[in-house]
């Protein structure tokens, strides 16, 4: 496989999609897993604004730190990457006690 050609193809497709949808960037949920790492890296390569969102709910510390490390590495490499974290654990817990 010609990895760089595949990457370029996907990045260009993302740029075209964003332009046709009148979007100025992407919002990507970061879980600490491989899938979200690949997607966020591809979005960052477009040069469009890429917001990495962490929404942990009872997540293992290793997963949270992997996600944070990935985001920090993206931010060092791409000026268009920003991030936000909202811990949803309390919201989730309240919801589960409210729903039978």
N, C-alpha and C. Protein backbone atom coordinates (compact mmCIF):
# COMPACT_ATOMS: atom_id res chain seq x y z
N UNK A 1 0.84 -1.18 0.00
CA UNK A 1 0.00 0.00 0.00
C UNK A 1 0.89 1.24 0.00
N UNK A 2 0.46 2.24 -0.72
CA UNK A 2 1.19 3.51 -0.77
C UNK A 2 0.56 4.45 0.26
N UNK A 3 1.06 4.34 1.48
CA UNK A 3 0.45 5.00 2.62
C UNK A 3 0.30 6.51 2.43
N UNK A 4 1.34 7.18 1.98
CA UNK A 4 1.27 8.63 1.82
C UNK A 4 0.20 9.04 0.80
N UNK A 5 0.05 8.26 -0.26
CA UNK A 5 -0.98 8.56 -1.26
C UNK A 5 -2.38 8.38 -0.66
N UNK A 6 -2.54 7.35 0.15
CA UNK A 6 -3.84 7.11 0.80
C UNK A 6 -4.14 8.27 1.76
N UNK A 7 -3.15 8.66 2.55
CA UNK A 7 -3.33 9.76 3.49
C UNK A 7 -3.71 11.04 2.73
N UNK A 8 -2.97 11.35 1.67
CA UNK A 8 -3.27 12.55 0.88
C UNK A 8 -4.68 12.50 0.30
N UNK A 9 -5.07 11.33 -0.17
CA UNK A 9 -6.41 11.17 -0.74
C UNK A 9 -7.48 11.45 0.31
N UNK A 10 -7.34 10.89 1.49
CA UNK A 10 -8.33 11.07 2.56
C UNK A 10 -8.34 12.54 3.02
N UNK A 11 -7.18 13.13 3.19
CA UNK A 11 -7.11 14.54 3.62
C UNK A 11 -7.78 15.44 2.58
N UNK A 12 -7.52 15.21 1.31
CA UNK A 12 -8.16 16.01 0.26
C UNK A 12 -9.67 15.79 0.23
N UNK A 13 -10.11 14.55 0.46
CA UNK A 13 -11.54 14.26 0.52
C UNK A 13 -12.18 15.03 1.68
N UNK A 14 -11.50 15.04 2.84
CA UNK A 14 -12.02 15.78 3.99
C UNK A 14 -12.13 17.28 3.68
N UNK A 15 -11.13 17.84 3.03
CA UNK A 15 -11.16 19.27 2.66
C UNK A 15 -12.33 19.54 1.71
N UNK A 16 -12.49 18.69 0.71
CA UNK A 16 -13.58 18.85 -0.26
C UNK A 16 -14.94 18.74 0.44
N UNK A 17 -15.07 17.76 1.32
CA UNK A 17 -16.32 17.57 2.06
C UNK A 17 -16.64 18.81 2.89
N UNK A 18 -15.64 19.31 3.60
CA UNK A 18 -15.85 20.50 4.43
C UNK A 18 -16.27 21.69 3.58
N UNK A 19 -15.63 21.87 2.45
CA UNK A 19 -15.97 22.99 1.56
C UNK A 19 -17.39 22.85 1.03
N UNK A 20 -17.77 21.66 0.59
CA UNK A 20 -19.11 21.47 0.02
C UNK A 20 -20.20 21.57 1.09
N UNK A 21 -19.87 21.32 2.34
CA UNK A 21 -20.84 21.41 3.43
C UNK A 21 -20.78 22.77 4.15
N UNK A 22 -19.98 23.69 3.60
CA UNK A 22 -19.81 25.02 4.21
C UNK A 22 -19.34 24.93 5.66
N UNK A 23 -18.43 24.01 5.92
CA UNK A 23 -17.86 23.84 7.26
C UNK A 23 -16.48 24.51 7.27
N UNK A 24 -16.09 25.01 8.44
CA UNK A 24 -14.75 25.59 8.53
C UNK A 24 -13.82 24.75 9.40
N UNK A 25 -14.24 23.52 9.70
CA UNK A 25 -13.39 22.65 10.50
C UNK A 25 -14.11 21.40 10.94
N UNK A 26 -13.49 20.73 11.89
CA UNK A 26 -13.98 19.43 12.35
C UNK A 26 -14.00 19.39 13.88
N UNK A 27 -14.90 18.60 14.41
CA UNK A 27 -14.95 18.30 15.83
C UNK A 27 -14.80 16.79 15.95
N UNK A 28 -13.79 16.35 16.70
CA UNK A 28 -13.49 14.93 16.80
C UNK A 28 -13.47 14.52 18.27
N UNK A 29 -14.24 13.51 18.60
CA UNK A 29 -14.21 12.95 19.95
C UNK A 29 -12.97 12.09 20.13
N UNK A 30 -12.21 12.37 21.17
CA UNK A 30 -10.98 11.64 21.45
C UNK A 30 -11.22 10.68 22.61
N UNK A 31 -11.02 9.40 22.34
CA UNK A 31 -11.29 8.38 23.36
C UNK A 31 -10.03 7.80 23.98
N UNK A 32 -8.90 8.03 23.33
CA UNK A 32 -7.67 7.38 23.77
C UNK A 32 -7.38 6.13 22.95
N UNK A 33 -8.25 5.85 21.99
CA UNK A 33 -8.09 4.68 21.13
C UNK A 33 -7.49 5.04 19.77
N UNK A 34 -7.25 4.01 19.00
CA UNK A 34 -6.61 4.18 17.69
C UNK A 34 -7.52 4.90 16.70
N UNK A 35 -8.80 4.56 16.68
CA UNK A 35 -9.71 5.14 15.69
C UNK A 35 -9.75 6.66 15.79
N UNK A 36 -9.96 7.18 17.01
CA UNK A 36 -10.05 8.63 17.16
C UNK A 36 -8.70 9.30 16.92
N UNK A 37 -7.62 8.60 17.20
CA UNK A 37 -6.29 9.16 16.93
C UNK A 37 -6.06 9.31 15.43
N UNK A 38 -6.45 8.32 14.66
CA UNK A 38 -6.28 8.37 13.20
C UNK A 38 -7.15 9.47 12.61
N UNK A 39 -8.42 9.50 13.01
CA UNK A 39 -9.35 10.50 12.46
C UNK A 39 -8.88 11.91 12.81
N UNK A 40 -8.49 12.15 14.04
CA UNK A 40 -8.07 13.49 14.43
C UNK A 40 -6.78 13.91 13.72
N UNK A 41 -5.87 12.97 13.50
CA UNK A 41 -4.63 13.29 12.78
C UNK A 41 -4.93 13.64 11.32
N UNK A 42 -5.84 12.91 10.70
CA UNK A 42 -6.21 13.21 9.32
C UNK A 42 -6.90 14.57 9.23
N UNK A 43 -7.80 14.86 10.15
CA UNK A 43 -8.47 16.16 10.16
C UNK A 43 -7.46 17.28 10.38
N UNK A 44 -6.53 17.10 11.29
CA UNK A 44 -5.52 18.13 11.55
C UNK A 44 -4.69 18.41 10.30
N UNK A 45 -4.41 17.38 9.52
CA UNK A 45 -3.61 17.56 8.29
C UNK A 45 -4.30 18.40 7.23
N UNK A 46 -5.62 18.59 7.35
CA UNK A 46 -6.32 19.40 6.36
C UNK A 46 -5.96 20.87 6.48
N UNK A 47 -5.48 21.29 7.64
CA UNK A 47 -5.21 22.70 7.88
C UNK A 47 -6.44 23.45 8.38
N UNK A 48 -7.60 22.78 8.38
CA UNK A 48 -8.83 23.39 8.88
C UNK A 48 -8.86 23.25 10.40
N UNK A 49 -9.65 24.11 11.04
CA UNK A 49 -9.77 24.05 12.49
C UNK A 49 -10.20 22.65 12.91
N UNK A 50 -9.52 22.11 13.89
CA UNK A 50 -9.83 20.77 14.39
C UNK A 50 -9.92 20.85 15.90
N UNK A 51 -11.13 20.66 16.41
CA UNK A 51 -11.37 20.67 17.84
C UNK A 51 -11.43 19.24 18.34
N UNK A 52 -10.52 18.90 19.22
CA UNK A 52 -10.48 17.57 19.83
C UNK A 52 -11.23 17.64 21.15
N UNK A 53 -12.27 16.81 21.27
CA UNK A 53 -13.14 16.85 22.44
C UNK A 53 -12.98 15.56 23.23
N UNK A 54 -12.71 15.73 24.52
CA UNK A 54 -12.66 14.59 25.43
C UNK A 54 -13.90 14.65 26.31
N UNK A 55 -14.64 13.56 26.37
CA UNK A 55 -15.85 13.48 27.19
C UNK A 55 -15.81 12.22 28.04
N UNK A 56 -14.88 12.14 28.97
CA UNK A 56 -14.75 10.90 29.74
C UNK A 56 -15.95 10.63 30.65
N UNK A 57 -16.31 9.35 30.71
CA UNK A 57 -17.33 8.86 31.64
C UNK A 57 -16.76 7.59 32.27
N UNK A 58 -16.37 7.68 33.51
CA UNK A 58 -15.77 6.53 34.21
C UNK A 58 -14.66 5.89 33.37
N UNK A 59 -13.84 6.70 32.74
CA UNK A 59 -12.80 6.17 31.88
C UNK A 59 -11.56 5.81 32.69
N UNK A 60 -10.88 4.77 32.26
CA UNK A 60 -9.65 4.36 32.91
C UNK A 60 -8.59 5.46 32.74
N UNK A 61 -7.79 5.71 33.77
CA UNK A 61 -6.76 6.76 33.67
C UNK A 61 -5.82 6.58 32.48
N UNK A 62 -5.51 5.34 32.13
CA UNK A 62 -4.61 5.10 30.99
C UNK A 62 -5.24 5.59 29.69
N UNK A 63 -6.54 5.40 29.54
CA UNK A 63 -7.22 5.88 28.33
C UNK A 63 -7.22 7.40 28.28
N UNK A 64 -7.50 8.04 29.40
CA UNK A 64 -7.52 9.50 29.45
C UNK A 64 -6.15 10.07 29.14
N UNK A 65 -5.10 9.50 29.73
CA UNK A 65 -3.75 10.02 29.49
C UNK A 65 -3.31 9.78 28.05
N UNK A 66 -3.69 8.65 27.46
CA UNK A 66 -3.37 8.40 26.05
C UNK A 66 -4.01 9.45 25.16
N UNK A 67 -5.26 9.75 25.44
CA UNK A 67 -5.96 10.77 24.67
C UNK A 67 -5.32 12.14 24.82
N UNK A 68 -4.99 12.51 26.06
CA UNK A 68 -4.33 13.80 26.31
C UNK A 68 -2.99 13.88 25.61
N UNK A 69 -2.20 12.81 25.69
CA UNK A 69 -0.88 12.78 25.04
C UNK A 69 -1.03 12.95 23.53
N UNK A 70 -2.02 12.29 22.96
CA UNK A 70 -2.24 12.39 21.51
C UNK A 70 -2.60 13.83 21.13
N UNK A 71 -3.51 14.43 21.89
CA UNK A 71 -3.91 15.80 21.60
C UNK A 71 -2.72 16.75 21.71
N UNK A 72 -1.93 16.59 22.75
CA UNK A 72 -0.76 17.47 22.91
C UNK A 72 0.21 17.32 21.75
N UNK A 73 0.39 16.10 21.26
CA UNK A 73 1.30 15.91 20.12
C UNK A 73 0.73 16.55 18.85
N UNK A 74 -0.58 16.48 18.68
CA UNK A 74 -1.21 17.15 17.53
C UNK A 74 -1.05 18.67 17.64
N UNK A 75 -1.26 19.22 18.84
CA UNK A 75 -1.16 20.67 19.03
C UNK A 75 0.26 21.18 18.78
N UNK A 76 1.24 20.37 19.08
CA UNK A 76 2.63 20.76 18.82
C UNK A 76 2.93 20.78 17.32
N UNK A 77 2.28 19.91 16.59
CA UNK A 77 2.57 19.76 15.16
C UNK A 77 1.67 20.63 14.28
N UNK A 78 0.44 20.89 14.72
CA UNK A 78 -0.54 21.59 13.89
C UNK A 78 -1.13 22.77 14.67
N UNK A 79 -0.98 23.97 14.14
CA UNK A 79 -1.49 25.17 14.80
C UNK A 79 -3.01 25.24 14.77
N UNK A 80 -3.65 24.47 13.91
CA UNK A 80 -5.11 24.50 13.76
C UNK A 80 -5.84 23.59 14.75
N UNK A 81 -5.12 22.95 15.66
CA UNK A 81 -5.73 22.00 16.60
C UNK A 81 -5.92 22.66 17.97
N UNK A 82 -7.14 22.52 18.50
CA UNK A 82 -7.42 22.96 19.87
C UNK A 82 -8.17 21.82 20.56
N UNK A 83 -8.39 21.99 21.87
CA UNK A 83 -9.05 20.91 22.59
C UNK A 83 -9.90 21.44 23.73
N UNK A 84 -10.80 20.59 24.16
CA UNK A 84 -11.64 20.87 25.32
C UNK A 84 -11.96 19.53 25.98
N UNK A 85 -12.05 19.56 27.32
CA UNK A 85 -12.43 18.35 28.04
C UNK A 85 -13.60 18.68 28.96
N UNK A 86 -14.63 17.84 28.89
CA UNK A 86 -15.79 17.96 29.77
C UNK A 86 -16.02 16.57 30.35
N UNK A 87 -15.76 16.44 31.64
CA UNK A 87 -15.96 15.14 32.30
C UNK A 87 -17.46 14.94 32.52
N UNK A 88 -17.99 13.93 31.86
CA UNK A 88 -19.43 13.66 31.93
C UNK A 88 -19.80 12.62 32.99
N UNK A 89 -18.89 12.25 33.85
CA UNK A 89 -19.14 11.21 34.84
C UNK A 89 -20.33 11.57 35.73
N UNK A 90 -20.34 12.78 36.28
CA UNK A 90 -21.44 13.17 37.18
C UNK A 90 -22.78 13.23 36.44
N UNK A 91 -22.76 13.72 35.21
CA UNK A 91 -23.99 13.78 34.41
C UNK A 91 -24.51 12.37 34.15
N UNK A 92 -23.60 11.48 33.79
CA UNK A 92 -23.97 10.09 33.52
C UNK A 92 -24.55 9.43 34.77
N UNK A 93 -23.87 9.63 35.89
CA UNK A 93 -24.34 9.03 37.15
C UNK A 93 -25.72 9.55 37.53
N UNK A 94 -25.93 10.84 37.37
CA UNK A 94 -27.24 11.43 37.69
C UNK A 94 -28.31 10.86 36.75
N UNK A 95 -27.98 10.74 35.48
CA UNK A 95 -28.91 10.20 34.51
C UNK A 95 -29.31 8.76 34.86
N UNK A 96 -28.31 7.95 35.18
CA UNK A 96 -28.61 6.53 35.47
C UNK A 96 -29.43 6.37 36.75
N UNK A 97 -29.32 7.31 37.67
CA UNK A 97 -30.15 7.21 38.88
C UNK A 97 -31.56 7.75 38.63
N UNK A 98 -31.72 8.56 37.58
CA UNK A 98 -33.02 9.16 37.27
C UNK A 98 -33.88 8.30 36.35
N UNK A 99 -33.24 7.40 35.62
CA UNK A 99 -33.95 6.57 34.65
C UNK A 99 -34.09 5.16 35.23
N UNK A 100 -35.32 4.66 35.26
CA UNK A 100 -35.51 3.31 35.85
C UNK A 100 -34.86 2.21 35.03
